[in-house]
Amino acid sequence: MEINIEIPEYNSESGIEYKWEDGFEIKAVTNDGVIIITANKDGLISLANHLLNLAQDKIPAGHHMHLDEYNSLEKVLMN
């Protein structure tokens, strides 16, 4: 199986362009200091795209992204 990922080129004027796959689902929880990420196929491809996006040579050092329940992650209720 081959998966092709299109990485949008970084532009200093518009910043990073994140590409989300249709139907992505991503959940993250912490448990005793361990981060557990679960995702469907579209979510994993989206995460791979974002990480490769951040790896571009033109991205300024220290640039980062936030993933949380308000902009991309599923809200997870913990007991």
PDB file of N, CA and C in Angstrom:
ATOM      1  N   MET A   1       0.839  -1.180   0.000  1.00  0.00           N
ATOM      2  CA  MET A   1       0.000   0.000   0.000  1.00  0.00           C
ATOM      3  C   MET A   1       0.884   1.243   0.000  1.00  0.00           C
ATOM      4  N   GLU A   2       0.527   2.204  -0.786  1.00  0.00           N
ATOM      5  CA  GLU A   2       1.267   3.456  -0.862  1.00  0.00           C
ATOM      6  C   GLU A   2       0.348   4.602  -0.468  1.00  0.00           C
ATOM      7  N   ILE A   3       0.849   5.473   0.387  1.00  0.00           N
ATOM      8  CA  ILE A   3       0.106   6.659   0.793  1.00  0.00           C
ATOM      9  C   ILE A   3       0.905   7.873   0.353  1.00  0.00           C
ATOM     10  N   ASN A   4       0.271   8.758  -0.398  1.00  0.00           N
ATOM     11  CA  ASN A   4       0.909  10.001  -0.825  1.00  0.00           C
ATOM     12  C   ASN A   4       0.432  11.139   0.059  1.00  0.00           C
ATOM     13  N   ILE A   5       1.388  11.916   0.559  1.00  0.00           N
ATOM     14  CA  ILE A   5       1.069  13.046   1.423  1.00  0.00           C
ATOM     15  C   ILE A   5       1.580  14.319   0.757  1.00  0.00           C
ATOM     16  N   GLU A   6       0.690  15.260   0.572  1.00  0.00           N
ATOM     17  CA  GLU A   6       1.064  16.558   0.000  1.00  0.00           C
ATOM     18  C   GLU A   6       1.373  17.515   1.146  1.00  0.00           C
ATOM     19  N   ILE A   7       2.614  18.015   1.178  1.00  0.00           N
ATOM     20  CA  ILE A   7       3.040  18.942   2.225  1.00  0.00           C
ATOM     21  C   ILE A   7       2.981  20.355   1.656  1.00  0.00           C
ATOM     22  N   PRO A   8       2.047  21.192   2.157  1.00  0.00           N
ATOM     23  CA  PRO A   8       1.994  22.567   1.663  1.00  0.00           C
ATOM     24  C   PRO A   8       3.300  23.300   1.979  1.00  0.00           C
ATOM     25  N   GLU A   9       3.841  24.018   1.006  1.00  0.00           N
ATOM     26  CA  GLU A   9       5.094  24.742   1.212  1.00  0.00           C
ATOM     27  C   GLU A   9       4.884  25.908   2.172  1.00  0.00           C
ATOM     28  N   TYR A  10       5.809  26.062   3.118  1.00  0.00           N
ATOM     29  CA  TYR A  10       5.739  27.136   4.105  1.00  0.00           C
ATOM     30  C   TYR A  10       5.901  28.490   3.429  1.00  0.00           C
ATOM     31  N   ASN A  11       5.099  29.446   3.861  1.00  0.00           N
ATOM     32  CA  ASN A  11       5.164  30.819   3.378  1.00  0.00           C
ATOM     33  C   ASN A  11       5.214  31.716   4.606  1.00  0.00           C
ATOM     34  N   SER A  12       6.243  32.542   4.735  1.00  0.00           N
ATOM     35  CA  SER A  12       6.404  33.375   5.930  1.00  0.00           C
ATOM     36  C   SER A  12       5.276  34.385   6.100  1.00  0.00           C
ATOM     37  N   GLU A  13       4.609  34.749   5.017  1.00  0.00           N
ATOM     38  CA  GLU A  13       3.507  35.714   5.115  1.00  0.00           C
ATOM     39  C   GLU A  13       2.210  35.078   5.620  1.00  0.00           C
ATOM     40  N   SER A  14       1.937  33.857   5.179  1.00  0.00           N
ATOM     41  CA  SER A  14       0.681  33.206   5.585  1.00  0.00           C
ATOM     42  C   SER A  14       0.885  32.144   6.658  1.00  0.00           C
ATOM     43  N   GLY A  15       2.131  31.785   6.935  1.00  0.00           N
ATOM     44  CA  GLY A  15       2.421  30.796   7.969  1.00  0.00           C
ATOM     45  C   GLY A  15       2.252  29.372   7.472  1.00  0.00           C
ATOM     46  N   ILE A  16       2.155  28.462   8.412  1.00  0.00           N
ATOM     47  CA  ILE A  16       2.006  27.046   8.083  1.00  0.00           C
ATOM     48  C   ILE A  16       0.567  26.776   7.662  1.00  0.00           C
ATOM     49  N   GLU A  17       0.423  26.006   6.611  1.00  0.00           N
ATOM     50  CA  GLU A  17      -0.903  25.575   6.162  1.00  0.00           C
ATOM     51  C   GLU A  17      -1.046  24.102   6.530  1.00  0.00           C
ATOM     52  N   TYR A  18      -1.906  23.825   7.494  1.00  0.00           N
ATOM     53  CA  TYR A  18      -2.127  22.439   7.912  1.00  0.00           C
ATOM     54  C   TYR A  18      -3.188  21.805   7.038  1.00  0.00           C
ATOM     55  N   LYS A  19      -2.940  20.579   6.613  1.00  0.00           N
ATOM     56  CA  LYS A  19      -3.866  19.865   5.746  1.00  0.00           C
ATOM     57  C   LYS A  19      -4.484  18.721   6.542  1.00  0.00           C
ATOM     58  N   TRP A  20      -5.796  18.757   6.701  1.00  0.00           N
ATOM     59  CA  TRP A  20      -6.522  17.722   7.417  1.00  0.00           C
ATOM     60  C   TRP A  20      -7.215  16.818   6.416  1.00  0.00           C
ATOM     61  N   GLU A  21      -7.115  15.516   6.618  1.00  0.00           N
ATOM     62  CA  GLU A  21      -7.820  14.552   5.786  1.00  0.00           C
ATOM     63  C   GLU A  21      -9.288  14.539   6.202  1.00  0.00           C
ATOM     64  N   ASP A  22     -10.190  14.422   5.229  1.00  0.00           N
ATOM     65  CA  ASP A  22     -11.619  14.332   5.533  1.00  0.00           C
ATOM     66  C   ASP A  22     -11.887  13.132   6.427  1.00  0.00           C
ATOM     67  N   GLY A  23     -12.677  13.339   7.458  1.00  0.00           N
ATOM     68  CA  GLY A  23     -13.049  12.242   8.344  1.00  0.00           C
ATOM     69  C   GLY A  23     -12.036  11.915   9.419  1.00  0.00           C
ATOM     70  N   PHE A  24     -11.043  12.794   9.622  1.00  0.00           N
ATOM     71  CA  PHE A  24     -10.019  12.482  10.630  1.00  0.00           C
ATOM     72  C   PHE A  24     -10.620  12.439  12.035  1.00  0.00           C
ATOM     73  N   GLU A  25     -10.106  11.522  12.833  1.00  0.00           N
ATOM     74  CA  GLU A  25     -10.443  11.436  14.252  1.00  0.00           C
ATOM     75  C   GLU A  25      -9.149  11.192  15.012  1.00  0.00           C
ATOM     76  N   ILE A  26      -8.902  12.032  15.999  1.00  0.00           N
ATOM     77  CA  ILE A  26      -7.686  11.918  16.802  1.00  0.00           C
ATOM     78  C   ILE A  26      -8.068  12.134  18.259  1.00  0.00           C
ATOM     79  N   LYS A  27      -7.592  11.261  19.117  1.00  0.00           N
ATOM     80  CA  LYS A  27      -7.813  11.400  20.552  1.00  0.00           C
ATOM     81  C   LYS A  27      -6.465  11.292  21.253  1.00  0.00           C
ATOM     82  N   ALA A  28      -6.280  12.062  22.316  1.00  0.00           N
ATOM     83  CA  ALA A  28      -5.054  11.986  23.103  1.00  0.00           C
ATOM     84  C   ALA A  28      -5.410  12.093  24.576  1.00  0.00           C
ATOM     85  N   VAL A  29      -4.796  11.257  25.371  1.00  0.00           N
ATOM     86  CA  VAL A  29      -4.970  11.305  26.822  1.00  0.00           C
ATOM     87  C   VAL A  29      -3.601  11.119  27.464  1.00  0.00           C
ATOM     88  N   THR A  30      -3.495  11.553  28.699  1.00  0.00           N
ATOM     89  CA  THR A  30      -2.285  11.285  29.468  1.00  0.00           C
ATOM     90  C   THR A  30      -2.648  10.327  30.591  1.00  0.00           C
ATOM     91  N   ASN A  31      -1.742   9.430  30.876  1.00  0.00           N
ATOM     92  CA  ASN A  31      -1.958   8.439  31.915  1.00  0.00           C
ATOM     93  C   ASN A  31      -0.624   8.170  32.592  1.00  0.00           C
ATOM     94  N   ASP A  32      -0.480   8.614  33.836  1.00  0.00           N
ATOM     95  CA  ASP A  32       0.771   8.445  34.587  1.00  0.00           C
ATOM     96  C   ASP A  32       1.976   8.976  33.819  1.00  0.00           C
ATOM     97  N   GLY A  33       1.828  10.155  33.213  1.00  0.00           N
ATOM     98  CA  GLY A  33       2.928  10.790  32.499  1.00  0.00           C
ATOM     99  C   GLY A  33       3.159  10.277  31.090  1.00  0.00           C
ATOM    100  N   VAL A  34       2.299   9.370  30.618  1.00  0.00           N
ATOM    101  CA  VAL A  34       2.416   8.820  29.269  1.00  0.00           C
ATOM    102  C   VAL A  34       1.313   9.426  28.404  1.00  0.00           C
ATOM    103  N   ILE A  35       1.676   9.896  27.229  1.00  0.00           N
ATOM    104  CA  ILE A  35       0.692  10.420  26.291  1.00  0.00           C
ATOM    105  C   ILE A  35       0.272   9.291  25.364  1.00  0.00           C
ATOM    106  N   ILE A  36      -1.026   9.053  25.297  1.00  0.00           N
ATOM    107  CA  ILE A  36      -1.562   7.995  24.445  1.00  0.00           C
ATOM    108  C   ILE A  36      -2.374   8.654  23.338  1.00  0.00           C
ATOM    109  N   ILE A  37      -1.952   8.433  22.087  1.00  0.00           N
ATOM    110  CA  ILE A  37      -2.632   9.000  20.930  1.00  0.00           C
ATOM    111  C   ILE A  37      -3.287   7.865  20.171  1.00  0.00           C
ATOM    112  N   THR A  38      -4.590   8.003  19.911  1.00  0.00           N
ATOM    113  CA  THR A  38      -5.303   7.044  19.073  1.00  0.00           C
ATOM    114  C   THR A  38      -5.959   7.829  17.950  1.00  0.00           C
ATOM    115  N   ALA A  39      -5.980   7.235  16.779  1.00  0.00           N
ATOM    116  CA  ALA A  39      -6.536   7.924  15.615  1.00  0.00           C
ATOM    117  C   ALA A  39      -6.973   6.910  14.577  1.00  0.00           C
ATOM    118  N   ASN A  40      -7.918   7.326  13.748  1.00  0.00           N
ATOM    119  CA  ASN A  40      -8.265   6.496  12.595  1.00  0.00           C
ATOM    120  C   ASN A  40      -7.233   6.757  11.494  1.00  0.00           C
ATOM    121  N   LYS A  41      -7.365   6.079  10.371  1.00  0.00           N
ATOM    122  CA  LYS A  41      -6.390   6.212   9.280  1.00  0.00           C
ATOM    123  C   LYS A  41      -6.249   7.668   8.838  1.00  0.00           C
ATOM    124  N   ASP A  42      -7.373   8.368   8.665  1.00  0.00           N
ATOM    125  CA  ASP A  42      -7.314   9.767   8.236  1.00  0.00           C
ATOM    126  C   ASP A  42      -6.640  10.650   9.281  1.00  0.00           C
ATOM    127  N   GLY A  43      -6.832  10.331  10.558  1.00  0.00           N
ATOM    128  CA  GLY A  43      -6.167  11.073  11.622  1.00  0.00           C
ATOM    129  C   GLY A  43      -4.670  10.854  11.623  1.00  0.00           C
ATOM    130  N   LEU A  44      -4.244   9.614  11.413  1.00  0.00           N
ATOM    131  CA  LEU A  44      -2.806   9.315  11.367  1.00  0.00           C
ATOM    132  C   LEU A  44      -2.135   9.989  10.176  1.00  0.00           C
ATOM    133  N   ILE A  45      -2.795   9.992   9.033  1.00  0.00           N
ATOM    134  CA  ILE A  45      -2.242  10.664   7.845  1.00  0.00           C
ATOM    135  C   ILE A  45      -2.156  12.165   8.112  1.00  0.00           C
ATOM    136  N   SER A  46      -3.171  12.743   8.748  1.00  0.00           N
ATOM    137  CA  SER A  46      -3.146  14.171   9.077  1.00  0.00           C
ATOM    138  C   SER A  46      -1.988  14.495  10.010  1.00  0.00           C
ATOM    139  N   LEU A  47      -1.794  13.679  11.059  1.00  0.00           N
ATOM    140  CA  LEU A  47      -0.672  13.905  11.982  1.00  0.00           C
ATOM    141  C   LEU A  47       0.667  13.792  11.272  1.00  0.00           C
ATOM    142  N   ALA A  48       0.809  12.792  10.399  1.00  0.00           N
ATOM    143  CA  ALA A  48       2.049  12.640   9.636  1.00  0.00           C
ATOM    144  C   ALA A  48       2.303  13.879   8.786  1.00  0.00           C
ATOM    145  N   ASN A  49       1.255  14.394   8.171  1.00  0.00           N
ATOM    146  CA  ASN A  49       1.376  15.595   7.349  1.00  0.00           C
ATOM    147  C   ASN A  49       1.853  16.775   8.195  1.00  0.00           C
ATOM    148  N   HIS A  50       1.282  16.944   9.373  1.00  0.00           N
ATOM    149  CA  HIS A  50       1.655  18.075  10.228  1.00  0.00           C
ATOM    150  C   HIS A  50       3.102  17.986  10.687  1.00  0.00           C
ATOM    151  N   LEU A  51       3.538  16.784  11.048  1.00  0.00           N
ATOM    152  CA  LEU A  51       4.919  16.614  11.490  1.00  0.00           C
ATOM    153  C   LEU A  51       5.902  16.852  10.352  1.00  0.00           C
ATOM    154  N   LEU A  52       5.587  16.347   9.168  1.00  0.00           N
ATOM    155  CA  LEU A  52       6.445  16.604   8.007  1.00  0.00           C
ATOM    156  C   LEU A  52       6.411  18.082   7.636  1.00  0.00           C
ATOM    157  N   ASN A  53       5.270  18.708   7.810  1.00  0.00           N
ATOM    158  CA  ASN A  53       5.133  20.140   7.555  1.00  0.00           C
ATOM    159  C   ASN A  53       6.090  20.922   8.460  1.00  0.00           C
ATOM    160  N   LEU A  54       6.118  20.576   9.748  1.00  0.00           N
ATOM    161  CA  LEU A  54       7.009  21.256  10.697  1.00  0.00           C
ATOM    162  C   LEU A  54       8.486  20.993  10.411  1.00  0.00           C
ATOM    163  N   ALA A  55       8.798  19.920   9.687  1.00  0.00           N
ATOM    164  CA  ALA A  55      10.183  19.556   9.393  1.00  0.00           C
ATOM    165  C   ALA A  55      10.771  20.327   8.211  1.00  0.00           C
ATOM    166  N   GLN A  56      10.007  21.184   7.563  1.00  0.00           N
ATOM    167  CA  GLN A  56      10.518  21.940   6.418  1.00  0.00           C
ATOM    168  C   GLN A  56      11.662  22.863   6.850  1.00  0.00           C
ATOM    169  N   ASP A  57      12.657  22.981   6.008  1.00  0.00           N
ATOM    170  CA  ASP A  57      13.813  23.832   6.312  1.00  0.00           C
ATOM    171  C   ASP A  57      13.436  25.295   6.509  1.00  0.00           C
ATOM    172  N   LYS A  58      12.385  25.764   5.846  1.00  0.00           N
ATOM    173  CA  LYS A  58      11.998  27.178   5.932  1.00  0.00           C
ATOM    174  C   LYS A  58      11.234  27.527   7.212  1.00  0.00           C
ATOM    175  N   ILE A  59      10.801  26.528   7.959  1.00  0.00           N
ATOM    176  CA  ILE A  59      10.047  26.791   9.193  1.00  0.00           C
ATOM    177  C   ILE A  59      11.004  27.368  10.231  1.00  0.00           C
ATOM    178  N   PRO A  60      10.650  28.508  10.851  1.00  0.00           N
ATOM    179  CA  PRO A  60      11.531  29.096  11.865  1.00  0.00           C
ATOM    180  C   PRO A  60      11.747  28.152  13.051  1.00  0.00           C
ATOM    181  N   ALA A  61      12.949  28.156  13.599  1.00  0.00           N
ATOM    182  CA  ALA A  61      13.265  27.326  14.760  1.00  0.00           C
ATOM    183  C   ALA A  61      12.308  27.651  15.897  1.00  0.00           C
ATOM    184  N   GLY A  62      11.879  26.642  16.602  1.00  0.00           N
ATOM    185  CA  GLY A  62      10.993  26.840  17.740  1.00  0.00           C
ATOM    186  C   GLY A  62       9.517  26.878  17.382  1.00  0.00           C
ATOM    187  N   HIS A  63       9.201  26.849  16.086  1.00  0.00           N
ATOM    188  CA  HIS A  63       7.791  26.876  15.690  1.00  0.00           C
ATOM    189  C   HIS A  63       7.126  25.584  16.148  1.00  0.00           C
ATOM    190  N   HIS A  64       5.891  25.680  16.557  1.00  0.00           N
ATOM    191  CA  HIS A  64       5.197  24.506  17.074  1.00  0.00           C
ATOM    192  C   HIS A  64       3.712  24.616  16.762  1.00  0.00           C
ATOM    193  N   MET A  65       2.982  23.565  17.073  1.00  0.00           N
ATOM    194  CA  MET A  65       1.544  23.575  16.874  1.00  0.00           C
ATOM    195  C   MET A  65       0.870  23.064  18.136  1.00  0.00           C
ATOM    196  N   HIS A  66      -0.355  23.496  18.342  1.00  0.00           N
ATOM    197  CA  HIS A  66      -1.144  23.037  19.477  1.00  0.00           C
ATOM    198  C   HIS A  66      -2.287  22.176  18.963  1.00  0.00           C
ATOM    199  N   LEU A  67      -2.441  21.024  19.531  1.00  0.00           N
ATOM    200  CA  LEU A  67      -3.573  20.163  19.244  1.00  0.00           C
ATOM    201  C   LEU A  67      -4.355  20.018  20.538  1.00  0.00           C
ATOM    202  N   ASP A  68      -5.609  20.390  20.508  1.00  0.00           N
ATOM    203  CA  ASP A  68      -6.450  20.237  21.690  1.00  0.00           C
ATOM    204  C   ASP A  68      -7.894  20.042  21.260  1.00  0.00           C
ATOM    205  N   GLU A  69      -8.772  19.897  22.222  1.00  0.00           N
ATOM    206  CA  GLU A  69     -10.170  19.612  21.918  1.00  0.00           C
ATOM    207  C   GLU A  69     -10.866  20.763  21.198  1.00  0.00           C
ATOM    208  N   TYR A  70     -10.270  21.946  21.188  1.00  0.00           N
ATOM    209  CA  TYR A  70     -10.906  23.108  20.560  1.00  0.00           C
ATOM    210  C   TYR A  70     -10.526  23.275  19.094  1.00  0.00           C
ATOM    211  N   ASN A  71      -9.430  22.648  18.647  1.00  0.00           N
ATOM    212  CA  ASN A  71      -9.049  22.857  17.251  1.00  0.00           C
ATOM    213  C   ASN A  71      -8.734  21.579  16.477  1.00  0.00           C
ATOM    214  N   SER A  72      -8.837  20.391  17.094  1.00  0.00           N
ATOM    215  CA  SER A  72      -8.575  19.204  16.282  1.00  0.00           C
ATOM    216  C   SER A  72      -8.777  17.880  16.994  1.00  0.00           C
ATOM    217  N   LEU A  73      -8.613  17.822  18.295  1.00  0.00           N
ATOM    218  CA  LEU A  73      -8.719  16.541  18.987  1.00  0.00           C
ATOM    219  C   LEU A  73     -10.129  16.321  19.523  1.00  0.00           C
ATOM    220  N   GLU A  74     -10.496  15.060  19.603  1.00  0.00           N
ATOM    221  CA  GLU A  74     -11.782  14.700  20.186  1.00  0.00           C
ATOM    222  C   GLU A  74     -11.717  14.975  21.689  1.00  0.00           C
ATOM    223  N   LYS A  75     -12.816  15.451  22.254  1.00  0.00           N
ATOM    224  CA  LYS A  75     -12.868  15.644  23.693  1.00  0.00           C
ATOM    225  C   LYS A  75     -12.987  14.280  24.353  1.00  0.00           C
ATOM    226  N   VAL A  76     -12.114  14.004  25.308  1.00  0.00           N
ATOM    227  CA  VAL A  76     -12.106  12.722  25.986  1.00  0.00           C
ATOM    228  C   VAL A  76     -12.435  12.985  27.455  1.00  0.00           C
ATOM    229  N   LEU A  77     -13.439  12.302  27.945  1.00  0.00           N
ATOM    230  CA  LEU A  77     -13.805  12.429  29.347  1.00  0.00           C
ATOM    231  C   LEU A  77     -13.086  11.343  30.133  1.00  0.00           C
ATOM    232  N   MET A  78     -12.385  11.740  31.180  1.00  0.00           N
ATOM    233  CA  MET A  78     -11.631  10.788  32.002  1.00  0.00           C
ATOM    234  C   MET A  78     -12.380  10.569  33.302  1.00  0.00           C
ATOM    235  N   ASN A  79     -12.343   9.357  33.843  1.00  0.00           N
ATOM    236  CA  ASN A  79     -12.944   9.072  35.146  1.00  0.00           C
ATOM    237  C   ASN A  79     -11.987   9.450  36.247  1.00  0.00           C
TER     238      ASN A  79
END
